[in-house]
């Protein structure tokens, strides 16, 4: 696919160097986006902070402490395992 740009309202084909630089920039952006995809996926999967505080409060109220078998811990752990850091 040949790339173009607008110069004074006229469609002009990019030079080979411009096209290579543009494609390299696109690839760098794609790689940067992919590198932090796990962060976006985690953020979208986590319960709201309000819900997390509620889970923690309920566990503290029932058990007196936060445990590794509690609702909050297990839910957060499952999300971290589903979307590991890369």
PDB file of N, CA and C in Angstrom:
ATOM      1  N   UNK A   1       0.843  -1.167   0.000  1.00  0.00           N
ATOM      2  CA  UNK A   1       0.000   0.000   0.000  1.00  0.00           C
ATOM      3  C   UNK A   1       0.893   1.238   0.000  1.00  0.00           C
ATOM      4  N   UNK A   2       0.656   2.113  -0.917  1.00  0.00           N
ATOM      5  CA  UNK A   2       1.423   3.346  -1.038  1.00  0.00           C
ATOM      6  C   UNK A   2       0.815   4.390  -0.104  1.00  0.00           C
ATOM      7  N   UNK A   3       1.675   5.101   0.623  1.00  0.00           N
ATOM      8  CA  UNK A   3       1.210   6.120   1.553  1.00  0.00           C
ATOM      9  C   UNK A   3       1.316   7.503   0.924  1.00  0.00           C
ATOM     10  N   UNK A   4       0.393   8.370   1.333  1.00  0.00           N
ATOM     11  CA  UNK A   4       0.347   9.728   0.820  1.00  0.00           C
ATOM     12  C   UNK A   4       0.247  10.717   1.966  1.00  0.00           C
ATOM     13  N   UNK A   5       0.514  11.982   1.652  1.00  0.00           N
ATOM     14  CA  UNK A   5       0.321  13.078   2.594  1.00  0.00           C
ATOM     15  C   UNK A   5      -0.298  14.237   1.829  1.00  0.00           C
ATOM     16  N   UNK A   6      -0.844  15.188   2.564  1.00  0.00           N
ATOM     17  CA  UNK A   6      -1.404  16.385   1.947  1.00  0.00           C
ATOM     18  C   UNK A   6      -0.372  17.514   2.036  1.00  0.00           C
ATOM     19  N   UNK A   7      -0.084  18.126   0.917  1.00  0.00           N
ATOM     20  CA  UNK A   7       0.808  19.284   0.867  1.00  0.00           C
ATOM     21  C   UNK A   7       0.059  20.393   0.136  1.00  0.00           C
ATOM     22  N   UNK A   8      -0.277  21.440   0.871  1.00  0.00           N
ATOM     23  CA  UNK A   8      -1.049  22.556   0.305  1.00  0.00           C
ATOM     24  C   UNK A   8      -2.314  22.059  -0.393  1.00  0.00           C
ATOM     25  N   UNK A   9      -2.972  21.095   0.222  1.00  0.00           N
ATOM     26  CA  UNK A   9      -4.221  20.582  -0.320  1.00  0.00           C
ATOM     27  C   UNK A   9      -4.061  19.599  -1.470  1.00  0.00           C
ATOM     28  N   UNK A  10      -2.838  19.233  -1.773  1.00  0.00           N
ATOM     29  CA  UNK A  10      -2.576  18.307  -2.875  1.00  0.00           C
ATOM     30  C   UNK A  10      -2.074  16.985  -2.295  1.00  0.00           C
ATOM     31  N   UNK A  11      -2.628  15.877  -2.783  1.00  0.00           N
ATOM     32  CA  UNK A  11      -2.209  14.549  -2.346  1.00  0.00           C
ATOM     33  C   UNK A  11      -0.866  14.214  -3.003  1.00  0.00           C
ATOM     34  N   UNK A  12       0.147  13.938  -2.136  1.00  0.00           N
ATOM     35  CA  UNK A  12       1.500  13.663  -2.611  1.00  0.00           C
ATOM     36  C   UNK A  12       1.958  12.326  -2.024  1.00  0.00           C
ATOM     37  N   UNK A  13       2.549  11.500  -2.875  1.00  0.00           N
ATOM     38  CA  UNK A  13       3.067  10.209  -2.408  1.00  0.00           C
ATOM     39  C   UNK A  13       4.279  10.435  -1.531  1.00  0.00           C
ATOM     40  N   UNK A  14       4.355   9.680  -0.425  1.00  0.00           N
ATOM     41  CA  UNK A  14       5.521   9.774   0.448  1.00  0.00           C
ATOM     42  C   UNK A  14       6.744   9.193  -0.247  1.00  0.00           C
ATOM     43  N   UNK A  15       7.893   9.774   0.076  1.00  0.00           N
ATOM     44  CA  UNK A  15       9.137   9.196  -0.439  1.00  0.00           C
ATOM     45  C   UNK A  15       9.356   7.859   0.257  1.00  0.00           C
ATOM     46  N   UNK A  16      10.272   7.072  -0.278  1.00  0.00           N
ATOM     47  CA  UNK A  16      10.577   5.779   0.338  1.00  0.00           C
ATOM     48  C   UNK A  16      11.030   5.951   1.786  1.00  0.00           C
ATOM     49  N   UNK A  17      11.837   6.985   2.043  1.00  0.00           N
ATOM     50  CA  UNK A  17      12.328   7.240   3.394  1.00  0.00           C
ATOM     51  C   UNK A  17      11.191   7.662   4.320  1.00  0.00           C
ATOM     52  N   UNK A  18      10.305   8.533   3.836  1.00  0.00           N
ATOM     53  CA  UNK A  18       9.162   8.967   4.652  1.00  0.00           C
ATOM     54  C   UNK A  18       8.236   7.794   4.966  1.00  0.00           C
ATOM     55  N   UNK A  19       8.005   6.967   3.944  1.00  0.00           N
ATOM     56  CA  UNK A  19       7.133   5.814   4.147  1.00  0.00           C
ATOM     57  C   UNK A  19       7.748   4.842   5.152  1.00  0.00           C
ATOM     58  N   UNK A  20       9.049   4.588   5.036  1.00  0.00           N
ATOM     59  CA  UNK A  20       9.728   3.688   5.975  1.00  0.00           C
ATOM     60  C   UNK A  20       9.659   4.247   7.396  1.00  0.00           C
ATOM     61  N   UNK A  21       9.863   5.546   7.557  1.00  0.00           N
ATOM     62  CA  UNK A  21       9.812   6.175   8.876  1.00  0.00           C
ATOM     63  C   UNK A  21       8.399   6.104   9.452  1.00  0.00           C
ATOM     64  N   UNK A  22       7.402   6.332   8.616  1.00  0.00           N
ATOM     65  CA  UNK A  22       6.011   6.265   9.062  1.00  0.00           C
ATOM     66  C   UNK A  22       5.657   4.854   9.502  1.00  0.00           C
ATOM     67  N   UNK A  23       6.037   3.872   8.707  1.00  0.00           N
ATOM     68  CA  UNK A  23       5.742   2.483   9.065  1.00  0.00           C
ATOM     69  C   UNK A  23       6.501   2.058  10.331  1.00  0.00           C
ATOM     70  N   UNK A  24       7.732   2.532  10.499  1.00  0.00           N
ATOM     71  CA  UNK A  24       8.506   2.218  11.708  1.00  0.00           C
ATOM     72  C   UNK A  24       7.831   2.837  12.937  1.00  0.00           C
ATOM     73  N   UNK A  25       7.313   4.050  12.795  1.00  0.00           N
ATOM     74  CA  UNK A  25       6.605   4.705  13.900  1.00  0.00           C
ATOM     75  C   UNK A  25       5.325   3.938  14.246  1.00  0.00           C
ATOM     76  N   UNK A  26       4.590   3.499  13.243  1.00  0.00           N
ATOM     77  CA  UNK A  26       3.373   2.711  13.480  1.00  0.00           C
ATOM     78  C   UNK A  26       3.706   1.429  14.232  1.00  0.00           C
ATOM     79  N   UNK A  27       4.781   0.764  13.818  1.00  0.00           N
ATOM     80  CA  UNK A  27       5.173  -0.485  14.460  1.00  0.00           C
ATOM     81  C   UNK A  27       5.608  -0.245  15.905  1.00  0.00           C
ATOM     82  N   UNK A  28       6.349   0.836  16.137  1.00  0.00           N
ATOM     83  CA  UNK A  28       6.772   1.165  17.504  1.00  0.00           C
ATOM     84  C   UNK A  28       5.552   1.434  18.385  1.00  0.00           C
ATOM     85  N   UNK A  29       4.574   2.142  17.852  1.00  0.00           N
ATOM     86  CA  UNK A  29       3.345   2.410  18.604  1.00  0.00           C
ATOM     87  C   UNK A  29       2.583   1.118  18.889  1.00  0.00           C
ATOM     88  N   UNK A  30       2.530   0.230  17.905  1.00  0.00           N
ATOM     89  CA  UNK A  30       1.838  -1.050  18.092  1.00  0.00           C
ATOM     90  C   UNK A  30       2.512  -1.873  19.188  1.00  0.00           C
ATOM     91  N   UNK A  31       3.844  -1.918  19.151  1.00  0.00           N
ATOM     92  CA  UNK A  31       4.582  -2.674  20.157  1.00  0.00           C
ATOM     93  C   UNK A  31       4.426  -2.071  21.551  1.00  0.00           C
ATOM     94  N   UNK A  32       4.439  -0.748  21.641  1.00  0.00           N
ATOM     95  CA  UNK A  32       4.259  -0.081  22.935  1.00  0.00           C
ATOM     96  C   UNK A  32       2.874  -0.354  23.492  1.00  0.00           C
ATOM     97  N   UNK A  33       1.877  -0.325  22.636  1.00  0.00           N
ATOM     98  CA  UNK A  33       0.508  -0.613  23.060  1.00  0.00           C
ATOM     99  C   UNK A  33       0.378  -2.057  23.513  1.00  0.00           C
ATOM    100  N   UNK A  34       0.975  -2.961  22.793  1.00  0.00           N
ATOM    101  CA  UNK A  34       0.917  -4.379  23.141  1.00  0.00           C
ATOM    102  C   UNK A  34       1.641  -4.656  24.460  1.00  0.00           C
ATOM    103  N   UNK A  35       2.726  -3.929  24.703  1.00  0.00           N
ATOM    104  CA  UNK A  35       3.520  -4.151  25.909  1.00  0.00           C
ATOM    105  C   UNK A  35       2.753  -3.816  27.182  1.00  0.00           C
ATOM    106  N   UNK A  36       1.792  -2.905  27.102  1.00  0.00           N
ATOM    107  CA  UNK A  36       1.022  -2.540  28.295  1.00  0.00           C
ATOM    108  C   UNK A  36      -0.414  -3.045  28.240  1.00  0.00           C
ATOM    109  N   UNK A  37      -0.700  -3.942  27.303  1.00  0.00           N
ATOM    110  CA  UNK A  37      -2.048  -4.475  27.174  1.00  0.00           C
ATOM    111  C   UNK A  37      -2.507  -5.140  28.461  1.00  0.00           C
ATOM    112  N   UNK A  38      -1.618  -5.865  29.136  1.00  0.00           N
ATOM    113  CA  UNK A  38      -1.982  -6.543  30.379  1.00  0.00           C
ATOM    114  C   UNK A  38      -2.469  -5.535  31.416  1.00  0.00           C
ATOM    115  N   UNK A  39      -1.881  -4.335  31.437  1.00  0.00           N
ATOM    116  CA  UNK A  39      -2.309  -3.321  32.404  1.00  0.00           C
ATOM    117  C   UNK A  39      -3.742  -2.875  32.128  1.00  0.00           C
ATOM    118  N   UNK A  40      -4.044  -2.598  30.872  1.00  0.00           N
ATOM    119  CA  UNK A  40      -5.410  -2.186  30.515  1.00  0.00           C
ATOM    120  C   UNK A  40      -6.398  -3.305  30.803  1.00  0.00           C
ATOM    121  N   UNK A  41      -6.020  -4.543  30.482  1.00  0.00           N
ATOM    122  CA  UNK A  41      -6.910  -5.673  30.732  1.00  0.00           C
ATOM    123  C   UNK A  41      -7.191  -5.820  32.227  1.00  0.00           C
ATOM    124  N   UNK A  42      -6.153  -5.687  33.054  1.00  0.00           N
ATOM    125  CA  UNK A  42      -6.348  -5.767  34.503  1.00  0.00           C
ATOM    126  C   UNK A  42      -7.246  -4.643  34.998  1.00  0.00           C
ATOM    127  N   UNK A  43      -6.955  -3.423  34.561  1.00  0.00           N
ATOM    128  CA  UNK A  43      -7.749  -2.279  35.006  1.00  0.00           C
ATOM    129  C   UNK A  43      -9.229  -2.477  34.693  1.00  0.00           C
ATOM    130  N   UNK A  44      -9.513  -3.014  33.527  1.00  0.00           N
ATOM    131  CA  UNK A  44     -10.902  -3.239  33.131  1.00  0.00           C
ATOM    132  C   UNK A  44     -11.543  -4.386  33.903  1.00  0.00           C
ATOM    133  N   UNK A  45     -10.742  -5.345  34.365  1.00  0.00           N
ATOM    134  CA  UNK A  45     -11.283  -6.515  35.053  1.00  0.00           C
ATOM    135  C   UNK A  45     -11.453  -6.303  36.556  1.00  0.00           C
ATOM    136  N   UNK A  46     -10.625  -5.433  37.148  1.00  0.00           N
ATOM    137  CA  UNK A  46     -10.718  -5.220  38.590  1.00  0.00           C
ATOM    138  C   UNK A  46     -12.084  -4.661  38.974  1.00  0.00           C
ATOM    139  N   UNK A  47     -12.604  -5.100  40.128  1.00  0.00           N
ATOM    140  CA  UNK A  47     -13.819  -4.470  40.646  1.00  0.00           C
ATOM    141  C   UNK A  47     -13.505  -3.004  40.995  1.00  0.00           C
ATOM    142  N   UNK A  48     -14.525  -2.198  41.091  1.00  0.00           N
ATOM    143  CA  UNK A  48     -14.296  -0.795  41.468  1.00  0.00           C
ATOM    144  C   UNK A  48     -13.640  -0.746  42.845  1.00  0.00           C
ATOM    145  N   UNK A  49     -12.986   0.356  43.132  1.00  0.00           N
ATOM    146  CA  UNK A  49     -12.345   0.526  44.435  1.00  0.00           C
ATOM    147  C   UNK A  49     -13.404   0.422  45.534  1.00  0.00           C
ATOM    148  N   UNK A  50     -14.571   0.988  45.296  1.00  0.00           N
ATOM    149  CA  UNK A  50     -15.659   0.912  46.272  1.00  0.00           C
ATOM    150  C   UNK A  50     -16.021  -0.542  46.565  1.00  0.00           C
ATOM    151  N   UNK A  51     -16.159  -1.348  45.535  1.00  0.00           N
ATOM    152  CA  UNK A  51     -16.480  -2.768  45.736  1.00  0.00           C
ATOM    153  C   UNK A  51     -15.351  -3.515  46.423  1.00  0.00           C
ATOM    154  N   UNK A  52     -14.103  -3.163  46.093  1.00  0.00           N
ATOM    155  CA  UNK A  52     -12.973  -3.818  46.752  1.00  0.00           C
ATOM    156  C   UNK A  52     -12.950  -3.485  48.245  1.00  0.00           C
ATOM    157  N   UNK A  53     -13.170  -2.214  48.583  1.00  0.00           N
ATOM    158  CA  UNK A  53     -13.218  -1.835  49.997  1.00  0.00           C
ATOM    159  C   UNK A  53     -14.357  -2.549  50.715  1.00  0.00           C
ATOM    160  N   UNK A  54     -15.472  -2.704  50.035  1.00  0.00           N
ATOM    161  CA  UNK A  54     -16.604  -3.402  50.634  1.00  0.00           C
ATOM    162  C   UNK A  54     -16.259  -4.869  50.906  1.00  0.00           C
ATOM    163  N   UNK A  55     -15.604  -5.517  49.940  1.00  0.00           N
ATOM    164  CA  UNK A  55     -15.192  -6.907  50.143  1.00  0.00           C
ATOM    165  C   UNK A  55     -14.233  -7.017  51.324  1.00  0.00           C
ATOM    166  N   UNK A  56     -13.274  -6.097  51.408  1.00  0.00           N
ATOM    167  CA  UNK A  56     -12.294  -6.116  52.496  1.00  0.00           C
ATOM    168  C   UNK A  56     -12.990  -5.865  53.830  1.00  0.00           C
ATOM    169  N   UNK A  57     -13.851  -4.871  53.884  1.00  0.00           N
ATOM    170  CA  UNK A  57     -14.555  -4.562  55.128  1.00  0.00           C
ATOM    171  C   UNK A  57     -15.385  -5.749  55.588  1.00  0.00           C
ATOM    172  N   UNK A  58     -16.119  -6.367  54.667  1.00  0.00           N
ATOM    173  CA  UNK A  58     -16.964  -7.510  55.032  1.00  0.00           C
ATOM    174  C   UNK A  58     -16.122  -8.666  55.584  1.00  0.00           C
ATOM    175  N   UNK A  59     -14.974  -8.902  54.974  1.00  0.00           N
ATOM    176  CA  UNK A  59     -14.113  -9.980  55.465  1.00  0.00           C
ATOM    177  C   UNK A  59     -13.542  -9.646  56.839  1.00  0.00           C
ATOM    178  N   UNK A  60     -13.100  -8.409  57.003  1.00  0.00           N
ATOM    179  CA  UNK A  60     -12.594  -8.000  58.320  1.00  0.00           C
ATOM    180  C   UNK A  60     -13.692  -8.088  59.378  1.00  0.00           C
ATOM    181  N   UNK A  61     -14.889  -7.695  59.001  1.00  0.00           N
ATOM    182  CA  UNK A  61     -16.015  -7.727  59.938  1.00  0.00           C
ATOM    183  C   UNK A  61     -16.372  -9.163  60.330  1.00  0.00           C
ATOM    184  N   UNK A  62     -16.291 -10.088  59.375  1.00  0.00           N
ATOM    185  CA  UNK A  62     -16.642 -11.489  59.639  1.00  0.00           C
ATOM    186  C   UNK A  62     -15.504 -12.249  60.311  1.00  0.00           C
ATOM    187  N   UNK A  63     -14.280 -12.108  59.777  1.00  0.00           N
ATOM    188  CA  UNK A  63     -13.163 -12.941  60.214  1.00  0.00           C
ATOM    189  C   UNK A  63     -12.134 -12.220  61.089  1.00  0.00           C
ATOM    190  N   UNK A  64     -12.144 -10.904  61.025  1.00  0.00           N
ATOM    191  CA  UNK A  64     -11.172 -10.133  61.803  1.00  0.00           C
ATOM    192  C   UNK A  64      -9.842  -9.919  61.109  1.00  0.00           C
ATOM    193  N   UNK A  65      -9.684 -10.466  59.901  1.00  0.00           N
ATOM    194  CA  UNK A  65      -8.437 -10.282  59.145  1.00  0.00           C
ATOM    195  C   UNK A  65      -8.695 -10.597  57.667  1.00  0.00           C
ATOM    196  N   UNK A  66      -7.714 -10.245  56.858  1.00  0.00           N
ATOM    197  CA  UNK A  66      -7.758 -10.565  55.430  1.00  0.00           C
ATOM    198  C   UNK A  66      -7.014 -11.878  55.252  1.00  0.00           C
ATOM    199  N   UNK A  67      -7.645 -12.825  54.576  1.00  0.00           N
ATOM    200  CA  UNK A  67      -7.030 -14.142  54.398  1.00  0.00           C
ATOM    201  C   UNK A  67      -6.854 -14.455  52.911  1.00  0.00           C
ATOM    202  N   UNK A  68      -5.942 -15.369  52.616  1.00  0.00           N
ATOM    203  CA  UNK A  68      -5.696 -15.733  51.218  1.00  0.00           C
ATOM    204  C   UNK A  68      -6.820 -16.578  50.630  1.00  0.00           C
ATOM    205  N   UNK A  69      -7.784 -16.950  51.453  1.00  0.00           N
ATOM    206  CA  UNK A  69      -8.947 -17.667  50.925  1.00  0.00           C
ATOM    207  C   UNK A  69     -10.204 -16.789  50.939  1.00  0.00           C
ATOM    208  N   UNK A  70     -10.011 -15.494  51.187  1.00  0.00           N
ATOM    209  CA  UNK A  70     -11.133 -14.560  51.229  1.00  0.00           C
ATOM    210  C   UNK A  70     -11.547 -14.103  49.839  1.00  0.00           C
ATOM    211  N   UNK A  71     -12.760 -13.549  49.753  1.00  0.00           N
ATOM    212  CA  UNK A  71     -13.334 -13.122  48.475  1.00  0.00           C
ATOM    213  C   UNK A  71     -12.448 -12.107  47.750  1.00  0.00           C
ATOM    214  N   UNK A  72     -12.010 -11.066  48.471  1.00  0.00           N
ATOM    215  CA  UNK A  72     -11.213 -10.021  47.822  1.00  0.00           C
ATOM    216  C   UNK A  72      -9.913 -10.599  47.263  1.00  0.00           C
ATOM    217  N   UNK A  73      -9.163 -11.313  48.094  1.00  0.00           N
ATOM    218  CA  UNK A  73      -7.876 -11.853  47.673  1.00  0.00           C
ATOM    219  C   UNK A  73      -8.034 -12.784  46.477  1.00  0.00           C
ATOM    220  N   UNK A  74      -9.003 -13.687  46.548  1.00  0.00           N
ATOM    221  CA  UNK A  74      -9.185 -14.657  45.459  1.00  0.00           C
ATOM    222  C   UNK A  74      -9.589 -13.980  44.155  1.00  0.00           C
ATOM    223  N   UNK A  75     -10.427 -12.948  44.240  1.00  0.00           N
ATOM    224  CA  UNK A  75     -10.842 -12.252  43.028  1.00  0.00           C
ATOM    225  C   UNK A  75      -9.668 -11.489  42.399  1.00  0.00           C
ATOM    226  N   UNK A  76      -8.903 -10.802  43.212  1.00  0.00           N
ATOM    227  CA  UNK A  76      -7.744 -10.055  42.696  1.00  0.00           C
ATOM    228  C   UNK A  76      -6.688 -11.022  42.160  1.00  0.00           C
ATOM    229  N   UNK A  77      -6.458 -12.109  42.874  1.00  0.00           N
ATOM    230  CA  UNK A  77      -5.474 -13.108  42.427  1.00  0.00           C
ATOM    231  C   UNK A  77      -5.857 -13.692  41.070  1.00  0.00           C
ATOM    232  N   UNK A  78      -7.144 -13.996  40.886  1.00  0.00           N
ATOM    233  CA  UNK A  78      -7.604 -14.560  39.612  1.00  0.00           C
ATOM    234  C   UNK A  78      -7.360 -13.587  38.460  1.00  0.00           C
ATOM    235  N   UNK A  79      -7.574 -12.313  38.689  1.00  0.00           N
ATOM    236  CA  UNK A  79      -7.354 -11.301  37.647  1.00  0.00           C
ATOM    237  C   UNK A  79      -5.864 -11.200  37.342  1.00  0.00           C
ATOM    238  N   UNK A  80      -5.034 -11.174  38.361  1.00  0.00           N
ATOM    239  CA  UNK A  80      -3.582 -11.097  38.148  1.00  0.00           C
ATOM    240  C   UNK A  80      -3.057 -12.316  37.403  1.00  0.00           C
ATOM    241  N   UNK A  81      -3.635 -13.481  37.673  1.00  0.00           N
ATOM    242  CA  UNK A  81      -3.207 -14.689  36.968  1.00  0.00           C
ATOM    243  C   UNK A  81      -3.721 -14.699  35.539  1.00  0.00           C
ATOM    244  N   UNK A  82      -4.908 -14.184  35.322  1.00  0.00           N
ATOM    245  CA  UNK A  82      -5.479 -14.151  33.968  1.00  0.00           C
ATOM    246  C   UNK A  82      -4.720 -13.168  33.085  1.00  0.00           C
ATOM    247  N   UNK A  83      -4.277 -12.052  33.667  1.00  0.00           N
ATOM    248  CA  UNK A  83      -3.549 -11.009  32.925  1.00  0.00           C
ATOM    249  C   UNK A  83      -2.191 -10.776  33.577  1.00  0.00           C
ATOM    250  N   UNK A  84      -1.239 -11.695  33.398  1.00  0.00           N
ATOM    251  CA  UNK A  84       0.081 -11.546  34.052  1.00  0.00           C
ATOM    252  C   UNK A  84       0.883 -10.400  33.446  1.00  0.00           C
ATOM    253  N   UNK A  85       1.794  -9.864  34.262  1.00  0.00           N
ATOM    254  CA  UNK A  85       2.718  -8.845  33.758  1.00  0.00           C
ATOM    255  C   UNK A  85       3.560  -9.474  32.667  1.00  0.00           C
ATOM    256  N   UNK A  86       3.899  -8.684  31.694  1.00  0.00           N
ATOM    257  CA  UNK A  86       4.688  -9.229  30.582  1.00  0.00           C
ATOM    258  C   UNK A  86       5.984  -8.511  30.425  1.00  0.00           C
TER     259      UNK A  86
END
